[in-house]
C-alpha atoms as a PDB file:
ATOM      1  CA  MET A   1     -11.753  -1.874  16.262  1.00  0.00           C
ATOM      2  CA  ASP A   2     -14.843  -3.954  16.535  1.00  0.00           C
ATOM      3  CA  VAL A   3     -14.726  -7.449  15.068  1.00  0.00           C
ATOM      4  CA  LEU A   4     -18.136  -8.740  13.700  1.00  0.00           C
ATOM      5  CA  ALA A   5     -16.994 -12.330  13.292  1.00  0.00           C
ATOM      6  CA  LYS A   6     -13.778 -14.331  13.638  1.00  0.00           C
ATOM      7  CA  PHE A   7     -13.130 -17.722  12.003  1.00  0.00           C
ATOM      8  CA  HIS A   8     -10.393 -20.011  10.609  1.00  0.00           C
ATOM      9  CA  THR A   9     -10.424 -21.028   7.005  1.00  0.00           C
ATOM     10  CA  THR A  10      -8.310 -22.830   4.373  1.00  0.00           C
ATOM     11  CA  VAL A  11      -6.842 -20.717   1.525  1.00  0.00           C
ATOM     12  CA  HIS A  12      -7.752 -22.133  -1.823  1.00  0.00           C
ATOM     13  CA  ARG A  13      -5.943 -21.599  -5.118  1.00  0.00           C
ATOM     14  CA  ILE A  14      -5.524 -17.956  -6.224  1.00  0.00           C
ATOM     15  CA  GLY A  15      -6.021 -16.949  -2.604  1.00  0.00           C
ATOM     16  CA  ARG A  16      -9.734 -17.748  -2.392  1.00  0.00           C
ATOM     17  CA  ILE A  17     -11.304 -18.046   1.008  1.00  0.00           C
ATOM     18  CA  ILE A  18     -14.973 -18.670   1.997  1.00  0.00           C
ATOM     19  CA  ILE A  19     -16.947 -16.745   4.481  1.00  0.00           C
ATOM     20  CA  PRO A  20     -18.915 -19.389   6.483  1.00  0.00           C
ATOM     21  CA  ALA A  21     -22.744 -19.655   5.508  1.00  0.00           C
ATOM     22  CA  GLY A  22     -23.802 -19.036   9.078  1.00  0.00           C
ATOM     23  CA  THR A  23     -21.766 -15.785   9.175  1.00  0.00           C
ATOM     24  CA  ARG A  24     -23.164 -14.588   5.940  1.00  0.00           C
ATOM     25  CA  LYS A  25     -26.678 -15.503   6.851  1.00  0.00           C
ATOM     26  CA  PHE A  26     -26.469 -13.733  10.272  1.00  0.00           C
ATOM     27  CA  TYR A  27     -25.147 -10.486   8.710  1.00  0.00           C
ATOM     28  CA  GLY A  28     -27.217 -10.675   5.504  1.00  0.00           C
ATOM     29  CA  ILE A  29     -24.010 -10.751   3.348  1.00  0.00           C
ATOM     30  CA  GLU A  30     -24.901 -11.558  -0.217  1.00  0.00           C
ATOM     31  CA  GLN A  31     -22.953 -12.001  -3.439  1.00  0.00           C
ATOM     32  CA  GLY A  32     -21.906  -8.509  -4.570  1.00  0.00           C
ATOM     33  CA  ASP A  33     -21.629  -7.039  -1.212  1.00  0.00           C
ATOM     34  CA  PHE A  34     -18.353  -5.685   0.164  1.00  0.00           C
ATOM     35  CA  VAL A  35     -16.596  -6.804   3.302  1.00  0.00           C
ATOM     36  CA  GLU A  36     -13.631  -5.466   5.155  1.00  0.00           C
ATOM     37  CA  ILE A  37     -11.477  -8.279   6.310  1.00  0.00           C
ATOM     38  CA  LYS A  38      -8.244  -8.712   8.510  1.00  0.00           C
ATOM     39  CA  ILE A  39      -6.277 -11.918   7.962  1.00  0.00           C
ATOM     40  CA  VAL A  40      -3.687 -13.294  10.365  1.00  0.00           C
ATOM     41  CA  LYS A  41      -1.107 -15.969   9.650  1.00  0.00           C
ATOM     42  CA  TYR A  42       0.472 -17.379  12.691  1.00  0.00           C
ATOM     43  CA  GLU A  43       4.160 -18.270  11.917  1.00  0.00           C
ATOM     44  CA  GLY A  44       6.832 -18.298  14.637  1.00  0.00           C
ATOM     45  CA  GLU A  45       6.533 -15.762  17.432  1.00  0.00           C
ATOM     46  CA  GLU A  46       5.203 -12.792  15.378  1.00  0.00           C
ATOM     47  CA  PRO A  47       1.912 -13.129  13.531  1.00  0.00           C
ATOM     48  CA  LYS A  48       1.728 -11.634  10.083  1.00  0.00           C
ATOM     49  CA  GLU A  49      -1.417  -9.743   9.225  1.00  0.00           C
ATOM     50  CA  GLY A  50      -3.129  -7.452   6.735  1.00  0.00           C
ATOM     51  CA  THR A  51      -6.423  -5.855   5.971  1.00  0.00           C
ATOM     52  CA  PHE A  52      -8.249  -5.485   2.798  1.00  0.00           C
ATOM     53  CA  THR A  53     -11.733  -4.824   1.262  1.00  0.00           C
ATOM     54  CA  ALA A  54     -13.246  -7.096  -1.315  1.00  0.00           C
ATOM     55  CA  ARG A  55     -16.402  -7.944  -3.049  1.00  0.00           C
ATOM     56  CA  VAL A  56     -18.089 -11.223  -2.016  1.00  0.00           C
ATOM     57  CA  GLY A  57     -18.431 -13.702  -4.997  1.00  0.00           C
ATOM     58  CA  GLU A  58     -20.305 -16.955  -5.397  1.00  0.00           C
ATOM     59  CA  GLN A  59     -20.866 -19.089  -2.257  1.00  0.00           C
ATOM     60  CA  GLY A  60     -19.311 -16.383  -0.041  1.00  0.00           C
ATOM     61  CA  SER A  61     -15.939 -16.364  -1.672  1.00  0.00           C
ATOM     62  CA  VAL A  62     -13.401 -13.615  -1.231  1.00  0.00           C
ATOM     63  CA  ILE A  63     -10.017 -13.341  -2.932  1.00  0.00           C
ATOM     64  CA  ILE A  64      -7.074 -12.181  -0.875  1.00  0.00           C
ATOM     65  CA  PRO A  65      -5.102  -9.787  -3.098  1.00  0.00           C
ATOM     66  CA  LYS A  66      -1.958 -11.256  -4.522  1.00  0.00           C
ATOM     67  CA  ALA A  67       0.264  -8.435  -3.181  1.00  0.00           C
ATOM     68  CA  LEU A  68      -1.051  -9.166   0.374  1.00  0.00           C
ATOM     69  CA  ARG A  69      -0.626 -12.984  -0.106  1.00  0.00           C
ATOM     70  CA  ASP A  70       3.043 -12.319  -1.225  1.00  0.00           C
ATOM     71  CA  VAL A  71       3.917 -10.031   1.615  1.00  0.00           C
ATOM     72  CA  ILE A  72       2.426 -12.390   4.323  1.00  0.00           C
ATOM     73  CA  GLY A  73       3.576 -15.498   2.605  1.00  0.00           C
ATOM     74  CA  ILE A  74       0.138 -17.109   2.206  1.00  0.00           C
ATOM     75  CA  LYS A  75      -0.042 -20.277   0.057  1.00  0.00           C
ATOM     76  CA  PRO A  76      -2.928 -22.492  -0.972  1.00  0.00           C
ATOM     77  CA  GLY A  77      -3.835 -25.122   1.619  1.00  0.00           C
ATOM     78  CA  GLU A  78      -2.765 -23.074   4.645  1.00  0.00           C
ATOM     79  CA  VAL A  79      -5.180 -22.187   7.358  1.00  0.00           C
ATOM     80  CA  ILE A  80      -5.462 -18.546   8.387  1.00  0.00           C
ATOM     81  CA  GLU A  81      -7.404 -16.576  10.922  1.00  0.00           C
ATOM     82  CA  VAL A  82     -10.096 -14.189   9.427  1.00  0.00           C
ATOM     83  CA  LEU A  83     -11.725 -11.345  11.226  1.00  0.00           C
ATOM     84  CA  LEU A  84     -14.689  -9.757   9.556  1.00  0.00           C
ATOM     85  CA  LEU A  85     -14.525  -6.066  10.449  1.00  0.00           C
ATOM     86  CA  GLY A  86     -17.210  -4.600   8.203  1.00  0.00           C
ATOM     87  CA  HIS A  87     -19.952  -5.382   5.719  1.00  0.00           C
ATOM     88  CA  TYR A  88     -21.297  -2.899   3.155  1.00  0.00           C
ATOM     89  CA  LYS A  89     -24.129  -3.109   0.506  1.00  0.00           C
ATOM     90  CA  PRO A  90     -23.062  -1.674  -2.842  1.00  0.00           C
ATOM     91  CA  ARG A  91     -24.669   1.592  -3.857  1.00  0.00           C
ATOM     92  CA  ASN A  92     -27.088   1.402  -6.734  1.00  0.00           C
END
């Protein structure tokens, strides 16, 4: 699996994370595009991880699905690792 970008970010309320502006600019990611993301939460010896696809919102925001947040145990204010796996323009 190729990783386009890797960064750490803080989880905001309702599971919102932000793709950094430099990453969005480099890959041409705009509001309305789709991204495939893998998130990793380091806790203890075994990291917890999950992958999802989401539409990019204002200012590069993406919402981690609630079911995934619940399984991994992600709460607002925590820092997680994000791997950008893919970027897709919507079909018109």
